C-alpha atoms as a PDB file:
ATOM      1  CA  MET A   1     -54.279   0.648  -0.883  1.00  0.00           C
ATOM      2  CA  ASN A   2     -51.382  -1.798  -0.360  1.00  0.00           C
ATOM      3  CA  LYS A   3     -51.551  -2.916  -4.008  1.00  0.00           C
ATOM      4  CA  PHE A   4     -51.318   0.731  -5.055  1.00  0.00           C
ATOM      5  CA  MET A   5     -48.270   1.292  -2.814  1.00  0.00           C
ATOM      6  CA  GLY A   6     -46.641  -1.868  -4.121  1.00  0.00           C
ATOM      7  CA  LEU A   7     -47.185  -0.757  -7.707  1.00  0.00           C
ATOM      8  CA  THR A   8     -45.821   2.689  -6.859  1.00  0.00           C
ATOM      9  CA  VAL A   9     -42.647   1.131  -5.439  1.00  0.00           C
ATOM     10  CA  ALA A  10     -42.337  -1.123  -8.501  1.00  0.00           C
ATOM     11  CA  ALA A  11     -42.704   1.864 -10.825  1.00  0.00           C
ATOM     12  CA  MET A  12     -40.066   3.810  -8.900  1.00  0.00           C
ATOM     13  CA  LEU A  13     -37.711   0.860  -9.081  1.00  0.00           C
ATOM     14  CA  ALA A  14     -38.257   0.443 -12.804  1.00  0.00           C
ATOM     15  CA  ALA A  15     -37.531   4.124 -13.360  1.00  0.00           C
ATOM     16  CA  SER A  16     -34.384   4.069 -11.219  1.00  0.00           C
ATOM     17  CA  SER A  17     -32.671   1.002 -12.604  1.00  0.00           C
ATOM     18  CA  GLY A  18     -32.198  -0.900 -15.820  1.00  0.00           C
ATOM     19  CA  ASN A  19     -31.975  -4.135 -13.844  1.00  0.00           C
ATOM     20  CA  ALA A  20     -34.824  -6.549 -13.304  1.00  0.00           C
ATOM     21  CA  ILE A  21     -36.969  -5.748 -10.290  1.00  0.00           C
ATOM     22  CA  ALA A  22     -36.508  -8.140  -7.384  1.00  0.00           C
ATOM     23  CA  ALA A  23     -39.573  -9.708  -5.816  1.00  0.00           C
ATOM     24  CA  GLN A  24     -41.451  -7.441  -3.416  1.00  0.00           C
ATOM     25  CA  ARG A  25     -40.887  -8.270   0.252  1.00  0.00           C
ATOM     26  CA  TYR A  26     -42.572  -7.122   3.443  1.00  0.00           C
ATOM     27  CA  ILE A  27     -40.517  -6.501   6.571  1.00  0.00           C
ATOM     28  CA  SER A  28     -42.590  -6.249   9.729  1.00  0.00           C
ATOM     29  CA  PHE A  29     -41.093  -4.985  12.973  1.00  0.00           C
ATOM     30  CA  ASP A  30     -41.946  -7.739  15.472  1.00  0.00           C
ATOM     31  CA  GLY A  31     -44.300  -6.436  18.163  1.00  0.00           C
ATOM     32  CA  PHE A  32     -45.111  -3.186  16.330  1.00  0.00           C
ATOM     33  CA  CYS A  33     -47.826  -2.143  13.877  1.00  0.00           C
ATOM     34  CA  ASP A  34     -45.712  -0.688  11.049  1.00  0.00           C
ATOM     35  CA  PHE A  35     -43.868  -2.456   8.248  1.00  0.00           C
ATOM     36  CA  LEU A  36     -41.800  -1.830   5.134  1.00  0.00           C
ATOM     37  CA  SER A  37     -42.839  -3.062   1.696  1.00  0.00           C
ATOM     38  CA  GLY A  38     -40.373  -2.825  -1.136  1.00  0.00           C
ATOM     39  CA  ALA A  39     -37.765  -4.381  -3.358  1.00  0.00           C
ATOM     40  CA  LYS A  40     -34.122  -4.066  -4.316  1.00  0.00           C
ATOM     41  CA  ALA A  41     -33.473  -1.666  -7.192  1.00  0.00           C
ATOM     42  CA  ASP A  42     -29.868  -2.643  -7.807  1.00  0.00           C
ATOM     43  CA  ALA A  43     -26.790  -3.801  -5.895  1.00  0.00           C
ATOM     44  CA  ALA A  44     -26.563  -0.572  -3.904  1.00  0.00           C
ATOM     45  CA  MET A  45     -30.116   0.794  -3.532  1.00  0.00           C
ATOM     46  CA  SER A  46     -33.552  -0.314  -2.386  1.00  0.00           C
ATOM     47  CA  VAL A  47     -36.884   1.497  -2.268  1.00  0.00           C
ATOM     48  CA  ALA A  48     -39.672   0.835   0.225  1.00  0.00           C
ATOM     49  CA  VAL A  49     -42.931   2.211   1.544  1.00  0.00           C
ATOM     50  CA  HIS A  50     -42.925   2.591   5.333  1.00  0.00           C
ATOM     51  CA  ASN A  51     -46.527   1.564   5.995  1.00  0.00           C
ATOM     52  CA  LEU A  52     -48.100   3.375   8.933  1.00  0.00           C
ATOM     53  CA  THR A  53     -51.727   3.299   7.732  1.00  0.00           C
ATOM     54  CA  THR A  54     -52.776  -0.361   7.532  1.00  0.00           C
ATOM     55  CA  ASP A  55     -52.543  -1.274  11.230  1.00  0.00           C
ATOM     56  CA  CYS A  56     -51.186   1.845  12.960  1.00  0.00           C
ATOM     57  CA  GLY A  57     -54.076   4.168  12.159  1.00  0.00           C
ATOM     58  CA  ASP A  58     -51.941   6.966  10.667  1.00  0.00           C
ATOM     59  CA  THR A  59     -53.169   8.753   7.547  1.00  0.00           C
ATOM     60  CA  HIS A  60     -49.819   8.813   5.699  1.00  0.00           C
ATOM     61  CA  ASN A  61     -47.089   6.400   4.649  1.00  0.00           C
ATOM     62  CA  ALA A  62     -43.498   7.326   3.806  1.00  0.00           C
ATOM     63  CA  VAL A  63     -41.467   6.420   0.731  1.00  0.00           C
ATOM     64  CA  ASP A  64     -37.950   5.447   1.829  1.00  0.00           C
ATOM     65  CA  VAL A  65     -34.749   4.977  -0.118  1.00  0.00           C
ATOM     66  CA  GLY A  66     -32.243   2.555   1.371  1.00  0.00           C
ATOM     67  CA  VAL A  67     -28.566   1.855   0.822  1.00  0.00           C
ATOM     68  CA  GLU A  68     -26.409  -1.022   1.978  1.00  0.00           C
ATOM     69  CA  ALA A  69     -23.919  -0.019   4.660  1.00  0.00           C
ATOM     70  CA  THR A  70     -21.588  -1.633   7.167  1.00  0.00           C
ATOM     71  CA  ILE A  71     -22.066  -0.576  10.781  1.00  0.00           C
ATOM     72  CA  PRO A  72     -18.672  -0.986  12.491  1.00  0.00           C
ATOM     73  CA  GLY A  73     -18.644  -3.949  14.847  1.00  0.00           C
ATOM     74  CA  MET A  74     -22.175  -4.989  13.840  1.00  0.00           C
ATOM     75  CA  GLY A  75     -22.070  -6.046  10.185  1.00  0.00           C
ATOM     76  CA  LYS A  76     -24.012  -5.248   7.009  1.00  0.00           C
ATOM     77  CA  PHE A  77     -27.344  -3.452   7.075  1.00  0.00           C
ATOM     78  CA  LEU A  78     -29.832  -1.961   4.655  1.00  0.00           C
ATOM     79  CA  VAL A  79     -30.330   1.598   5.961  1.00  0.00           C
ATOM     80  CA  PHE A  80     -33.488   3.552   5.068  1.00  0.00           C
ATOM     81  CA  GLY A  81     -34.026   7.279   5.652  1.00  0.00           C
ATOM     82  CA  ASP A  82     -37.422   8.472   6.879  1.00  0.00           C
ATOM     83  CA  ASN A  83     -38.913  11.732   8.196  1.00  0.00           C
ATOM     84  CA  ASP A  84     -40.835  11.361  11.450  1.00  0.00           C
ATOM     85  CA  ARG A  85     -44.475  12.405  11.473  1.00  0.00           C
ATOM     86  CA  ASP A  86     -46.704  13.069  14.463  1.00  0.00           C
ATOM     87  CA  ALA A  87     -49.859  11.137  13.512  1.00  0.00           C
ATOM     88  CA  GLU A  88     -51.969  12.740  16.230  1.00  0.00           C
ATOM     89  CA  ASN A  89     -51.231  16.295  15.091  1.00  0.00           C
ATOM     90  CA  GLY A  90     -50.628  15.523  11.404  1.00  0.00           C
ATOM     91  CA  THR A  91     -47.323  17.405  11.361  1.00  0.00           C
ATOM     92  CA  TYR A  92     -43.690  16.513  10.775  1.00  0.00           C
ATOM     93  CA  THR A  93     -41.527  16.616  13.877  1.00  0.00           C
ATOM     94  CA  GLY A  94     -38.228  17.664  12.304  1.00  0.00           C
ATOM     95  CA  ILE A  95     -36.691  14.320  13.259  1.00  0.00           C
ATOM     96  CA  THR A  96     -34.974  12.273  10.560  1.00  0.00           C
ATOM     97  CA  GLU A  97     -34.981   8.548  11.246  1.00  0.00           C
ATOM     98  CA  TYR A  98     -32.587   5.913   9.980  1.00  0.00           C
ATOM     99  CA  ILE A  99     -34.026   2.406  10.029  1.00  0.00           C
ATOM    100  CA  ALA A 100     -31.189  -0.135   9.745  1.00  0.00           C
ATOM    101  CA  ILE A 101     -32.265  -3.644   8.683  1.00  0.00           C
ATOM    102  CA  GLN A 102     -29.658  -6.357   9.331  1.00  0.00           C
ATOM    103  CA  LEU A 103     -28.598  -8.326   6.254  1.00  0.00           C
ATOM    104  CA  PRO A 104     -29.201 -10.869   4.921  1.00  0.00           C
ATOM    105  CA  LEU A 105     -32.964 -10.251   4.907  1.00  0.00           C
ATOM    106  CA  LYS A 106     -34.019 -13.117   7.123  1.00  0.00           C
ATOM    107  CA  THR A 107     -36.783 -13.535   9.706  1.00  0.00           C
ATOM    108  CA  GLY A 108     -35.351 -13.147  13.200  1.00  0.00           C
ATOM    109  CA  ASN A 109     -32.571 -10.752  12.209  1.00  0.00           C
ATOM    110  CA  SER A 110     -32.323  -7.329  13.861  1.00  0.00           C
ATOM    111  CA  TRP A 111     -33.410  -3.813  13.046  1.00  0.00           C
ATOM    112  CA  LEU A 112     -32.115  -0.626  14.677  1.00  0.00           C
ATOM    113  CA  LEU A 113     -33.618   2.856  14.734  1.00  0.00           C
ATOM    114  CA  TYR A 114     -31.463   5.972  14.958  1.00  0.00           C
ATOM    115  CA  GLN A 115     -32.705   9.563  14.948  1.00  0.00           C
ATOM    116  CA  THR A 116     -31.307  13.031  14.362  1.00  0.00           C
ATOM    117  CA  THR A 117     -32.702  16.561  14.445  1.00  0.00           C
ATOM    118  CA  ASP A 118     -29.628  18.302  13.035  1.00  0.00           C
ATOM    119  CA  GLY A 119     -27.970  15.697  10.789  1.00  0.00           C
ATOM    120  CA  ALA A 120     -24.808  15.779  12.900  1.00  0.00           C
ATOM    121  CA  THR A 121     -25.789  14.111  16.178  1.00  0.00           C
ATOM    122  CA  ILE A 122     -27.381  10.699  15.682  1.00  0.00           C
ATOM    123  CA  SER A 123     -28.922   8.901  18.660  1.00  0.00           C
ATOM    124  CA  TYR A 124     -30.038   5.310  19.102  1.00  0.00           C
ATOM    125  CA  SER A 125     -33.795   5.119  19.659  1.00  0.00           C
ATOM    126  CA  ASN A 126     -35.195   1.591  19.307  1.00  0.00           C
ATOM    127  CA  SER A 127     -34.423  -1.929  18.088  1.00  0.00           C
ATOM    128  CA  GLY A 128     -35.848  -5.409  17.751  1.00  0.00           C
ATOM    129  CA  THR A 129     -36.235  -8.304  15.357  1.00  0.00           C
ATOM    130  CA  TYR A 130     -38.113  -8.446  12.082  1.00  0.00           C
ATOM    131  CA  THR A 131     -40.111 -10.916  10.012  1.00  0.00           C
ATOM    132  CA  VAL A 132     -39.850 -11.179   6.204  1.00  0.00           C
ATOM    133  CA  THR A 133     -42.856 -12.319   4.143  1.00  0.00           C
ATOM    134  CA  ASN A 134     -44.035 -12.061   0.544  1.00  0.00           C
ATOM    135  CA  ARG A 135     -47.469 -10.701   1.567  1.00  0.00           C
ATOM    136  CA  VAL A 136     -48.890  -7.978   3.804  1.00  0.00           C
ATOM    137  CA  PRO A 137     -48.093  -8.926   7.424  1.00  0.00           C
ATOM    138  CA  ALA A 138     -50.830 -10.058   9.816  1.00  0.00           C
ATOM    139  CA  ALA A 139     -52.252  -7.304  12.004  1.00  0.00           C
ATOM    140  CA  ALA A 140     -50.158  -6.460  15.049  1.00  0.00           C
ATOM    141  CA  ARG A 141     -51.652  -6.475  18.532  1.00  0.00           C
ATOM    142  CA  THR A 142     -50.516  -2.906  19.126  1.00  0.00           C
ATOM    143  CA  LYS A 143     -51.108   0.434  17.454  1.00  0.00           C
ATOM    144  CA  LEU A 144     -47.586   1.528  18.394  1.00  0.00           C
ATOM    145  CA  PRO A 145     -45.130   1.815  15.464  1.00  0.00           C
ATOM    146  CA  ALA A 146     -41.471   0.843  15.780  1.00  0.00           C
ATOM    147  CA  THR A 147     -40.634   4.468  15.049  1.00  0.00           C
ATOM    148  CA  PHE A 148     -42.494   5.659  18.154  1.00  0.00           C
ATOM    149  CA  GLN A 149     -40.323   8.296  19.750  1.00  0.00           C
ATOM    150  CA  VAL A 150     -38.360   6.654  22.524  1.00  0.00           C
ATOM    151  CA  ARG A 151     -35.885   9.583  22.362  1.00  0.00           C
ATOM    152  CA  SER A 152     -33.327   7.597  24.270  1.00  0.00           C
ATOM    153  CA  LYS A 153     -29.635   8.413  24.521  1.00  0.00           C
ATOM    154  CA  LEU A 154     -28.852   4.723  25.072  1.00  0.00           C
ATOM    155  CA  MET A 155     -26.347   2.923  22.915  1.00  0.00           C
ATOM    156  CA  PRO A 156     -27.553  -0.212  21.102  1.00  0.00           C
ATOM    157  CA  PRO A 157     -26.955  -3.550  22.818  1.00  0.00           C
ATOM    158  CA  ARG A 158     -23.786  -5.372  21.790  1.00  0.00           C
END
């Protein structure tokens, strides 16, 4: 299944850009079961599969498109959009998630999760560090994804 997803991402990248496809990378959220697999399409866009099936036990993955952005006071990030899905009920929750991956892509850097239900009010939800590899990450010790709904109104640590 992971080879299929990787090939799907590669095909999407090839269709979206005349540039050479960068090597596929895996970004695992340290301490959580989910991960991103994808590659850079061009200087401004990346495409990834948000894998929730391999170790989390969900039945669906998400295809995410990411853009480079600067978060004021925090630096450069690769920000992916994702729609939240309730794995237990098999329905979408109406929550849009923004997963911000600190650049450069380097093991030990940070990720941040923000969520919105209306597109206007965006709330911080979760954060941590990530690991970058060139293969599917080792199984996590938890079945809890990084995108688990914390639904916190907290601001990210500074």
